[in-house]
C-alpha atoms as a PDB file:
ATOM      1  CA  MET A   1       4.620 -86.187 190.260  1.00  0.00           C
ATOM      2  CA  PRO A   2       0.828 -86.737 190.267  1.00  0.00           C
ATOM      3  CA  VAL A   3      -0.566 -90.195 190.854  1.00  0.00           C
ATOM      4  CA  LEU A   4      -0.699 -92.427 187.777  1.00  0.00           C
ATOM      5  CA  ILE A   5      -4.099 -94.162 187.555  1.00  0.00           C
ATOM      6  CA  LEU A   6      -4.290 -97.451 185.653  1.00  0.00           C
ATOM      7  CA  LEU A   7      -7.761 -98.525 184.480  1.00  0.00           C
ATOM      8  CA  PRO A   8      -9.014-101.619 182.694  1.00  0.00           C
ATOM      9  CA  PRO A   9     -10.870-101.201 179.399  1.00  0.00           C
ATOM     10  CA  SER A  10     -14.518-102.159 179.137  1.00  0.00           C
ATOM     11  CA  GLU A  11     -16.216-104.639 176.872  1.00  0.00           C
ATOM     12  CA  GLY A  12     -18.947-102.053 176.351  1.00  0.00           C
ATOM     13  CA  LYS A  13     -17.909 -99.493 173.746  1.00  0.00           C
ATOM     14  CA  ALA A  14     -19.522 -96.814 171.627  1.00  0.00           C
ATOM     15  CA  GLU A  15     -21.121 -98.223 168.493  1.00  0.00           C
ATOM     16  CA  ALA A  16     -19.090 -96.023 166.166  1.00  0.00           C
ATOM     17  CA  GLY A  17     -16.462 -93.344 166.149  1.00  0.00           C
ATOM     18  CA  THR A  18     -17.340 -89.742 165.411  1.00  0.00           C
ATOM     19  CA  GLY A  19     -14.155 -88.239 164.029  1.00  0.00           C
ATOM     20  CA  ARG A  20     -11.135 -88.789 161.814  1.00  0.00           C
ATOM     21  CA  ARG A  21      -9.937 -92.195 160.753  1.00  0.00           C
ATOM     22  CA  LEU A  22      -7.481 -94.171 162.804  1.00  0.00           C
ATOM     23  CA  ASP A  23      -3.913 -92.862 162.806  1.00  0.00           C
ATOM     24  CA  PRO A  24      -1.828 -95.000 165.187  1.00  0.00           C
ATOM     25  CA  SER A  25       1.113 -92.601 164.872  1.00  0.00           C
ATOM     26  CA  ARG A  26      -0.879 -89.973 166.789  1.00  0.00           C
ATOM     27  CA  LEU A  27      -1.415 -92.124 169.874  1.00  0.00           C
ATOM     28  CA  SER A  28       0.463 -91.290 173.065  1.00  0.00           C
ATOM     29  CA  LEU A  29       3.182 -93.577 174.450  1.00  0.00           C
ATOM     30  CA  THR A  30       4.693 -93.708 170.971  1.00  0.00           C
ATOM     31  CA  GLU A  31       7.286 -96.275 172.083  1.00  0.00           C
ATOM     32  CA  LEU A  32       4.465 -98.828 171.921  1.00  0.00           C
ATOM     33  CA  ASN A  33       3.726 -98.151 168.247  1.00  0.00           C
ATOM     34  CA  PRO A  34       5.731-101.056 166.782  1.00  0.00           C
ATOM     35  CA  ALA A  35       3.977-103.500 169.117  1.00  0.00           C
ATOM     36  CA  ARG A  36       0.604-101.877 168.394  1.00  0.00           C
ATOM     37  CA  GLU A  37       1.154-102.194 164.654  1.00  0.00           C
ATOM     38  CA  ALA A  38       1.956-105.880 164.995  1.00  0.00           C
ATOM     39  CA  VAL A  39      -1.228-106.550 166.991  1.00  0.00           C
ATOM     40  CA  LEU A  40      -3.368-104.409 164.689  1.00  0.00           C
ATOM     41  CA  SER A  41      -2.068-106.172 161.571  1.00  0.00           C
ATOM     42  CA  ALA A  42      -2.549-109.624 163.079  1.00  0.00           C
ATOM     43  CA  LEU A  43      -6.075-108.764 164.239  1.00  0.00           C
ATOM     44  CA  VAL A  44      -7.195-107.225 160.932  1.00  0.00           C
ATOM     45  CA  ASP A  45      -5.740-110.088 158.904  1.00  0.00           C
ATOM     46  CA  LEU A  46      -7.367-112.688 161.137  1.00  0.00           C
ATOM     47  CA  CYS A  47     -10.799-111.052 161.014  1.00  0.00           C
ATOM     48  CA  ALA A  48     -10.651-110.355 157.270  1.00  0.00           C
ATOM     49  CA  GLY A  49      -9.543-113.901 156.504  1.00  0.00           C
ATOM     50  CA  PRO A  50     -11.628-116.802 155.238  1.00  0.00           C
ATOM     51  CA  ASP A  51     -11.700-118.856 158.447  1.00  0.00           C
ATOM     52  CA  GLU A  52     -14.440-117.240 160.513  1.00  0.00           C
ATOM     53  CA  THR A  53     -14.501-120.064 163.035  1.00  0.00           C
ATOM     54  CA  ALA A  54     -10.795-119.700 163.775  1.00  0.00           C
ATOM     55  CA  ALA A  55     -11.185-115.940 164.173  1.00  0.00           C
ATOM     56  CA  ARG A  56     -14.126-116.291 166.554  1.00  0.00           C
ATOM     57  CA  THR A  57     -12.260-118.902 168.583  1.00  0.00           C
ATOM     58  CA  ALA A  58      -9.149-116.728 168.853  1.00  0.00           C
ATOM     59  CA  LEU A  59     -11.216-113.789 170.139  1.00  0.00           C
ATOM     60  CA  GLY A  60     -13.649-115.773 172.290  1.00  0.00           C
ATOM     61  CA  LEU A  61     -16.683-114.731 170.240  1.00  0.00           C
ATOM     62  CA  THR A  62     -19.944-116.571 169.747  1.00  0.00           C
ATOM     63  CA  GLU A  63     -21.540-117.144 166.357  1.00  0.00           C
ATOM     64  CA  GLY A  64     -23.947-114.326 167.125  1.00  0.00           C
ATOM     65  CA  GLN A  65     -20.999-111.933 167.509  1.00  0.00           C
ATOM     66  CA  ARG A  66     -19.625-112.393 163.995  1.00  0.00           C
ATOM     67  CA  GLY A  67     -20.360-108.717 163.373  1.00  0.00           C
ATOM     68  CA  GLU A  68     -17.358-107.977 165.610  1.00  0.00           C
ATOM     69  CA  LEU A  69     -15.159-109.687 163.008  1.00  0.00           C
ATOM     70  CA  ARG A  70     -16.410-107.348 160.278  1.00  0.00           C
ATOM     71  CA  ARG A  71     -15.793-104.372 162.543  1.00  0.00           C
ATOM     72  CA  ASN A  72     -12.236-105.506 163.304  1.00  0.00           C
ATOM     73  CA  ALA A  73     -11.494-106.133 159.635  1.00  0.00           C
ATOM     74  CA  ARG A  74     -12.165-102.437 158.897  1.00  0.00           C
ATOM     75  CA  LEU A  75     -10.245-100.926 161.805  1.00  0.00           C
ATOM     76  CA  ARG A  76      -7.720 -99.087 159.647  1.00  0.00           C
ATOM     77  CA  GLU A  77     -10.517 -97.169 157.885  1.00  0.00           C
ATOM     78  CA  ALA A  78     -12.787 -96.736 160.898  1.00  0.00           C
ATOM     79  CA  ALA A  79     -13.785 -93.434 162.473  1.00  0.00           C
ATOM     80  CA  THR A  80     -12.393 -92.827 165.944  1.00  0.00           C
ATOM     81  CA  ALA A  81     -13.399 -91.321 169.269  1.00  0.00           C
ATOM     82  CA  PRO A  82     -11.359 -90.340 172.329  1.00  0.00           C
ATOM     83  CA  ALA A  83     -10.749 -93.418 174.470  1.00  0.00           C
ATOM     84  CA  GLY A  84     -12.440 -91.695 177.396  1.00  0.00           C
ATOM     85  CA  ARG A  85     -15.685 -91.644 175.389  1.00  0.00           C
ATOM     86  CA  LEU A  86     -15.218 -94.916 173.558  1.00  0.00           C
ATOM     87  CA  TYR A  87     -15.390 -97.110 176.677  1.00  0.00           C
ATOM     88  CA  THR A  88     -18.919 -97.160 178.086  1.00  0.00           C
ATOM     89  CA  GLY A  89     -18.892 -99.872 180.757  1.00  0.00           C
ATOM     90  CA  VAL A  90     -19.950 -99.579 184.401  1.00  0.00           C
ATOM     91  CA  LEU A  91     -16.637 -98.118 185.583  1.00  0.00           C
ATOM     92  CA  TYR A  92     -16.696 -95.396 182.946  1.00  0.00           C
ATOM     93  CA  GLU A  93     -20.337 -94.564 183.604  1.00  0.00           C
ATOM     94  CA  ALA A  94     -19.499 -94.051 187.277  1.00  0.00           C
ATOM     95  CA  LEU A  95     -16.412 -92.005 186.402  1.00  0.00           C
ATOM     96  CA  GLY A  96     -18.529 -89.667 184.247  1.00  0.00           C
ATOM     97  CA  LEU A  97     -15.636 -87.961 182.491  1.00  0.00           C
ATOM     98  CA  ASP A  98     -17.811 -85.624 180.447  1.00  0.00           C
ATOM     99  CA  THR A  99     -19.453 -84.236 183.586  1.00  0.00           C
ATOM    100  CA  LEU A 100     -16.202 -83.384 185.373  1.00  0.00           C
ATOM    101  CA  PRO A 101     -15.211 -79.706 185.614  1.00  0.00           C
ATOM    102  CA  PRO A 102     -12.468 -78.595 183.208  1.00  0.00           C
ATOM    103  CA  ASP A 103      -9.601 -78.771 185.718  1.00  0.00           C
ATOM    104  CA  ALA A 104     -10.531 -82.320 186.704  1.00  0.00           C
ATOM    105  CA  GLN A 105     -10.812 -83.324 183.043  1.00  0.00           C
ATOM    106  CA  ARG A 106      -7.334 -81.963 182.374  1.00  0.00           C
ATOM    107  CA  ALA A 107      -5.972 -83.888 185.339  1.00  0.00           C
ATOM    108  CA  ALA A 108      -7.638 -87.062 184.078  1.00  0.00           C
ATOM    109  CA  ARG A 109      -6.047 -86.682 180.654  1.00  0.00           C
ATOM    110  CA  ARG A 110      -2.622 -86.393 182.310  1.00  0.00           C
ATOM    111  CA  GLN A 111      -2.986 -89.083 184.937  1.00  0.00           C
ATOM    112  CA  VAL A 112      -5.141 -91.909 183.543  1.00  0.00           C
ATOM    113  CA  LEU A 113      -3.925 -94.789 181.398  1.00  0.00           C
ATOM    114  CA  ILE A 114      -6.307 -97.446 180.071  1.00  0.00           C
ATOM    115  CA  SER A 115      -5.041-100.966 179.415  1.00  0.00           C
ATOM    116  CA  SER A 116      -5.958-102.523 176.079  1.00  0.00           C
ATOM    117  CA  GLY A 117      -5.472-105.867 174.393  1.00  0.00           C
ATOM    118  CA  LEU A 118      -5.091-104.065 171.052  1.00  0.00           C
ATOM    119  CA  TRP A 119      -3.204-100.885 171.984  1.00  0.00           C
ATOM    120  CA  GLY A 120      -1.298-101.940 175.115  1.00  0.00           C
ATOM    121  CA  ALA A 121      -2.214 -98.729 176.930  1.00  0.00           C
ATOM    122  CA  VAL A 122      -3.820 -95.457 175.854  1.00  0.00           C
ATOM    123  CA  ARG A 123      -4.606 -92.103 177.379  1.00  0.00           C
ATOM    124  CA  LEU A 124      -8.126 -90.714 177.568  1.00  0.00           C
ATOM    125  CA  ALA A 125      -7.629 -88.304 174.666  1.00  0.00           C
ATOM    126  CA  ASP A 126      -6.165 -90.909 172.295  1.00  0.00           C
ATOM    127  CA  ARG A 127      -8.506 -91.413 169.358  1.00  0.00           C
ATOM    128  CA  ILE A 128      -9.269 -95.079 168.660  1.00  0.00           C
ATOM    129  CA  PRO A 129     -12.122 -96.883 166.861  1.00  0.00           C
ATOM    130  CA  PRO A 130     -14.497 -99.400 168.465  1.00  0.00           C
ATOM    131  CA  TYR A 131     -12.849-102.830 168.417  1.00  0.00           C
ATOM    132  CA  ARG A 132     -12.991-106.287 169.939  1.00  0.00           C
ATOM    133  CA  CYS A 133      -9.666-107.677 171.128  1.00  0.00           C
ATOM    134  CA  PRO A 134      -9.665-109.037 174.698  1.00  0.00           C
ATOM    135  CA  ILE A 135      -6.414-109.565 176.524  1.00  0.00           C
ATOM    136  CA  GLY A 136      -7.153-113.288 176.565  1.00  0.00           C
ATOM    137  CA  ALA A 137      -7.016-113.495 172.761  1.00  0.00           C
ATOM    138  CA  ARG A 138      -4.406-115.508 170.864  1.00  0.00           C
ATOM    139  CA  LEU A 139      -3.429-114.013 167.516  1.00  0.00           C
ATOM    140  CA  PRO A 140      -1.575-115.746 164.657  1.00  0.00           C
ATOM    141  CA  GLY A 141       2.140-115.021 164.798  1.00  0.00           C
ATOM    142  CA  LEU A 142       1.896-113.345 168.209  1.00  0.00           C
ATOM    143  CA  GLY A 143       0.330-115.943 170.485  1.00  0.00           C
ATOM    144  CA  ALA A 144      -1.300-114.956 173.760  1.00  0.00           C
ATOM    145  CA  LEU A 145      -1.688-111.188 174.004  1.00  0.00           C
ATOM    146  CA  SER A 146      -1.131-111.213 177.761  1.00  0.00           C
ATOM    147  CA  ALA A 147       2.399-112.555 177.257  1.00  0.00           C
ATOM    148  CA  TYR A 148       3.009-110.387 174.200  1.00  0.00           C
ATOM    149  CA  TRP A 149       2.228-107.158 176.033  1.00  0.00           C
ATOM    150  CA  ARG A 150       4.140-108.247 179.115  1.00  0.00           C
ATOM    151  CA  ALA A 151       7.342-107.917 177.131  1.00  0.00           C
ATOM    152  CA  ALA A 152       6.443-104.523 175.665  1.00  0.00           C
ATOM    153  CA  LEU A 153       4.790-102.549 178.470  1.00  0.00           C
ATOM    154  CA  GLY A 154       7.394-102.507 181.233  1.00  0.00           C
ATOM    155  CA  PRO A 155       9.966-100.265 179.499  1.00  0.00           C
ATOM    156  CA  VAL A 156       7.194 -97.782 178.666  1.00  0.00           C
ATOM    157  CA  LEU A 157       5.008 -97.720 181.779  1.00  0.00           C
ATOM    158  CA  GLU A 158       7.833 -97.491 184.286  1.00  0.00           C
ATOM    159  CA  PRO A 159       8.984 -94.088 182.955  1.00  0.00           C
ATOM    160  CA  ALA A 160       5.327 -93.001 182.660  1.00  0.00           C
ATOM    161  CA  ALA A 161       4.910 -93.578 186.388  1.00  0.00           C
ATOM    162  CA  GLY A 162       7.768 -91.239 187.205  1.00  0.00           C
ATOM    163  CA  ARG A 163       8.446 -90.777 190.910  1.00  0.00           C
ATOM    164  CA  GLY A 164       4.852 -90.531 192.047  1.00  0.00           C
ATOM    165  CA  PRO A 165       2.477 -93.204 193.340  1.00  0.00           C
ATOM    166  CA  VAL A 166       0.500 -95.553 191.104  1.00  0.00           C
ATOM    167  CA  LEU A 167      -3.162 -96.441 191.669  1.00  0.00           C
ATOM    168  CA  ASP A 168      -3.635 -99.755 189.886  1.00  0.00           C
ATOM    169  CA  LEU A 169      -7.318-100.519 189.285  1.00  0.00           C
ATOM    170  CA  ARG A 170      -6.831-103.002 186.445  1.00  0.00           C
ATOM    171  CA  SER A 171      -8.575-106.369 186.462  1.00  0.00           C
ATOM    172  CA  GLY A 172      -6.411-109.449 186.927  1.00  0.00           C
ATOM    173  CA  ALA A 173      -5.805-110.329 183.274  1.00  0.00           C
ATOM    174  CA  TYR A 174      -4.694-106.796 182.429  1.00  0.00           C
ATOM    175  CA  ALA A 175      -2.694-106.394 185.633  1.00  0.00           C
ATOM    176  CA  ALA A 176      -0.690-109.440 184.594  1.00  0.00           C
ATOM    177  CA  THR A 177       0.649-107.577 181.549  1.00  0.00           C
ATOM    178  CA  TRP A 178       2.750-105.294 183.760  1.00  0.00           C
ATOM    179  CA  THR A 179       3.645-105.686 187.411  1.00  0.00           C
ATOM    180  CA  PRO A 180       5.570-102.801 189.013  1.00  0.00           C
ATOM    181  CA  ARG A 181       8.814-103.961 190.605  1.00  0.00           C
ATOM    182  CA  GLY A 182      11.160-102.764 193.326  1.00  0.00           C
ATOM    183  CA  ALA A 183      10.743 -99.212 194.574  1.00  0.00           C
ATOM    184  CA  LEU A 184       7.953 -98.539 192.095  1.00  0.00           C
ATOM    185  CA  ALA A 185       6.008-101.523 193.433  1.00  0.00           C
ATOM    186  CA  GLU A 186       6.167-100.040 196.917  1.00  0.00           C
ATOM    187  CA  ARG A 187       4.652 -96.820 195.541  1.00  0.00           C
ATOM    188  CA  THR A 188       1.828 -98.789 193.896  1.00  0.00           C
ATOM    189  CA  VAL A 189      -1.577 -99.321 195.489  1.00  0.00           C
ATOM    190  CA  THR A 190      -3.901-102.044 194.203  1.00  0.00           C
ATOM    191  CA  VAL A 191      -7.553-102.028 195.203  1.00  0.00           C
ATOM    192  CA  ARG A 192     -10.094-104.748 195.794  1.00  0.00           C
ATOM    193  CA  VAL A 193     -13.711-103.725 196.388  1.00  0.00           C
ATOM    194  CA  LEU A 194     -15.652-105.830 198.880  1.00  0.00           C
ATOM    195  CA  HIS A 195     -19.433-105.597 199.104  1.00  0.00           C
ATOM    196  CA  GLU A 196     -20.543-106.082 202.686  1.00  0.00           C
ATOM    197  CA  ARG A 197     -23.986-107.397 203.590  1.00  0.00           C
ATOM    198  CA  ILE A 198     -25.392-108.427 206.939  1.00  0.00           C
ATOM    199  CA  VAL A 199     -26.624-112.026 206.715  1.00  0.00           C
ATOM    200  CA  ASP A 200     -28.258-113.476 209.844  1.00  0.00           C
ATOM    201  CA  GLY A 201     -26.536-110.846 211.946  1.00  0.00           C
ATOM    202  CA  THR A 202     -23.086-111.545 210.503  1.00  0.00           C
ATOM    203  CA  ALA A 203     -21.159-109.368 208.087  1.00  0.00           C
ATOM    204  CA  ASP A 204     -20.607-111.194 204.810  1.00  0.00           C
ATOM    205  CA  ARG A 205     -18.142-109.768 202.297  1.00  0.00           C
ATOM    206  CA  SER A 206     -17.733-110.696 198.660  1.00  0.00           C
ATOM    207  CA  VAL A 207     -16.418-109.311 195.394  1.00  0.00           C
ATOM    208  CA  VAL A 208     -19.351-108.362 193.158  1.00  0.00           C
ATOM    209  CA  SER A 209     -18.402-107.329 189.633  1.00  0.00           C
ATOM    210  CA  HIS A 210     -20.883-104.452 189.304  1.00  0.00           C
ATOM    211  CA  PHE A 211     -20.023-102.987 192.729  1.00  0.00           C
ATOM    212  CA  ASN A 212     -16.317-103.411 192.047  1.00  0.00           C
ATOM    213  CA  LYS A 213     -16.406-101.528 188.752  1.00  0.00           C
ATOM    214  CA  ALA A 214     -18.804 -98.805 189.866  1.00  0.00           C
ATOM    215  CA  THR A 215     -16.891 -98.137 193.079  1.00  0.00           C
ATOM    216  CA  LYS A 216     -13.588 -97.851 191.239  1.00  0.00           C
ATOM    217  CA  GLY A 217     -15.134 -95.375 188.813  1.00  0.00           C
ATOM    218  CA  ARG A 218     -16.565 -93.278 191.647  1.00  0.00           C
ATOM    219  CA  MET A 219     -13.266 -93.414 193.513  1.00  0.00           C
ATOM    220  CA  VAL A 220     -11.305 -92.036 190.548  1.00  0.00           C
ATOM    221  CA  ARG A 221     -13.950 -89.360 190.033  1.00  0.00           C
ATOM    222  CA  ASP A 222     -13.738 -88.326 193.699  1.00  0.00           C
ATOM    223  CA  LEU A 223      -9.937 -88.129 193.584  1.00  0.00           C
ATOM    224  CA  LEU A 224     -10.076 -85.947 190.485  1.00  0.00           C
ATOM    225  CA  LEU A 225     -12.788 -83.684 191.901  1.00  0.00           C
ATOM    226  CA  ALA A 226     -10.790 -83.273 195.114  1.00  0.00           C
ATOM    227  CA  GLY A 227      -7.682 -82.330 193.145  1.00  0.00           C
ATOM    228  CA  ALA A 228      -5.776 -84.915 195.166  1.00  0.00           C
ATOM    229  CA  ARG A 229      -2.029 -84.917 194.503  1.00  0.00           C
ATOM    230  CA  PRO A 230      -0.578 -87.550 196.830  1.00  0.00           C
ATOM    231  CA  ARG A 231       3.183 -87.992 196.520  1.00  0.00           C
ATOM    232  CA  THR A 232       3.457 -91.353 198.255  1.00  0.00           C
ATOM    233  CA  ALA A 233       1.452 -94.551 198.610  1.00  0.00           C
ATOM    234  CA  ASP A 234       0.731 -93.605 202.235  1.00  0.00           C
ATOM    235  CA  ALA A 235      -0.622 -90.248 201.121  1.00  0.00           C
ATOM    236  CA  LEU A 236      -2.745 -91.934 198.447  1.00  0.00           C
ATOM    237  CA  VAL A 237      -4.334 -94.271 200.989  1.00  0.00           C
ATOM    238  CA  GLY A 238      -4.838 -91.278 203.259  1.00  0.00           C
ATOM    239  CA  ALA A 239      -6.548 -89.357 200.464  1.00  0.00           C
ATOM    240  CA  LEU A 240      -9.028 -92.208 199.992  1.00  0.00           C
ATOM    241  CA  ARG A 241      -9.830 -92.161 203.698  1.00  0.00           C
ATOM    242  CA  GLU A 242     -10.301 -88.393 203.613  1.00  0.00           C
ATOM    243  CA  LEU A 243     -12.853 -88.996 200.864  1.00  0.00           C
ATOM    244  CA  LYS A 244     -14.754 -91.210 203.353  1.00  0.00           C
ATOM    245  CA  TYR A 245     -13.848 -94.570 201.828  1.00  0.00           C
ATOM    246  CA  THR A 246     -13.502 -97.452 204.241  1.00  0.00           C
ATOM    247  CA  VAL A 247      -9.990 -98.714 203.535  1.00  0.00           C
ATOM    248  CA  GLU A 248      -8.491-101.842 205.053  1.00  0.00           C
ATOM    249  CA  GLU A 249      -4.881-102.737 204.320  1.00  0.00           C
ATOM    250  CA  ALA A 250      -3.379-106.162 203.809  1.00  0.00           C
ATOM    251  CA  PRO A 251       0.019-106.926 205.400  1.00  0.00           C
ATOM    252  CA  ARG A 252       2.769-105.272 203.391  1.00  0.00           C
ATOM    253  CA  ALA A 253       5.360-107.258 201.472  1.00  0.00           C
ATOM    254  CA  THR A 254       8.683-105.675 200.572  1.00  0.00           C
ATOM    255  CA  GLY A 255       9.036-105.082 196.855  1.00  0.00           C
ATOM    256  CA  ARG A 256       5.378-105.812 196.126  1.00  0.00           C
ATOM    257  CA  PRO A 257       2.445-103.475 195.403  1.00  0.00           C
ATOM    258  CA  ARG A 258       0.458-102.356 198.418  1.00  0.00           C
ATOM    259  CA  GLN A 259      -2.931-104.089 198.559  1.00  0.00           C
ATOM    260  CA  VAL A 260      -5.988-102.449 200.085  1.00  0.00           C
ATOM    261  CA  ASP A 261      -9.651-103.396 200.375  1.00  0.00           C
ATOM    262  CA  LEU A 262     -12.412-100.837 199.939  1.00  0.00           C
ATOM    263  CA  VAL A 263     -15.447-101.994 201.876  1.00  0.00           C
ATOM    264  CA  VAL A 264     -18.798-100.766 200.556  1.00  0.00           C
ATOM    265  CA  THR A 265     -22.268-101.496 201.845  1.00  0.00           C
ATOM    266  CA  ASP A 266     -24.334 -99.751 199.176  1.00  0.00           C
ATOM    267  CA  LEU A 267     -24.029 -97.611 196.066  1.00  0.00           C
END
């Protein structure tokens, strides 16, 4: 089985879709459709309702972002775009899906899953409209989305992982919606990107959001371009080293995902 790559979504999205209207029944991972429909209905009803302040509070929006409420209220009629083109943040810019050769693009469509507060998880070719629904949102009737998706994702993502390794690049809030367990956890590699600078002759390392996202995007791109097909977590870590990434491993814990640090000095 090829490696399953889990990505976070991005707050930055295309301004509008370019194709057919939303049809949730055509999304992949169809087992998630009942949960998706519940979130979609709750989100549309909230944003179309009379209490704008409550809607903005639930979604963490400022008064200047009220246009996001109007967008959400029309999601069922909105034009769509493939998820791989919809998300436009730093990670996706570095990944550069549209500039990959055809074989790498095909591999990406098979191997990549994107977490989503609205959809749970989608593949790159799934057509969705621009939306605003962070994983930290609380929706009427559903409560906190992080807890809601935690109950729904496990039975779907575990079979999606198959017997191969998992490269989990999700941010903390999205990673909390599904944590691989048991043997699958031991085949899972999580990555933290550390930016190293020399300060007064001493190496200083820190997590910098831009470097973290850009490096993860470049790393996925490099794996796809290399046609890497690691069958184990060890082989996945080895593939990153072969691609000239500086990888440092944390002590392993039985039954827990394998944690590695990628140390970068410049982009």
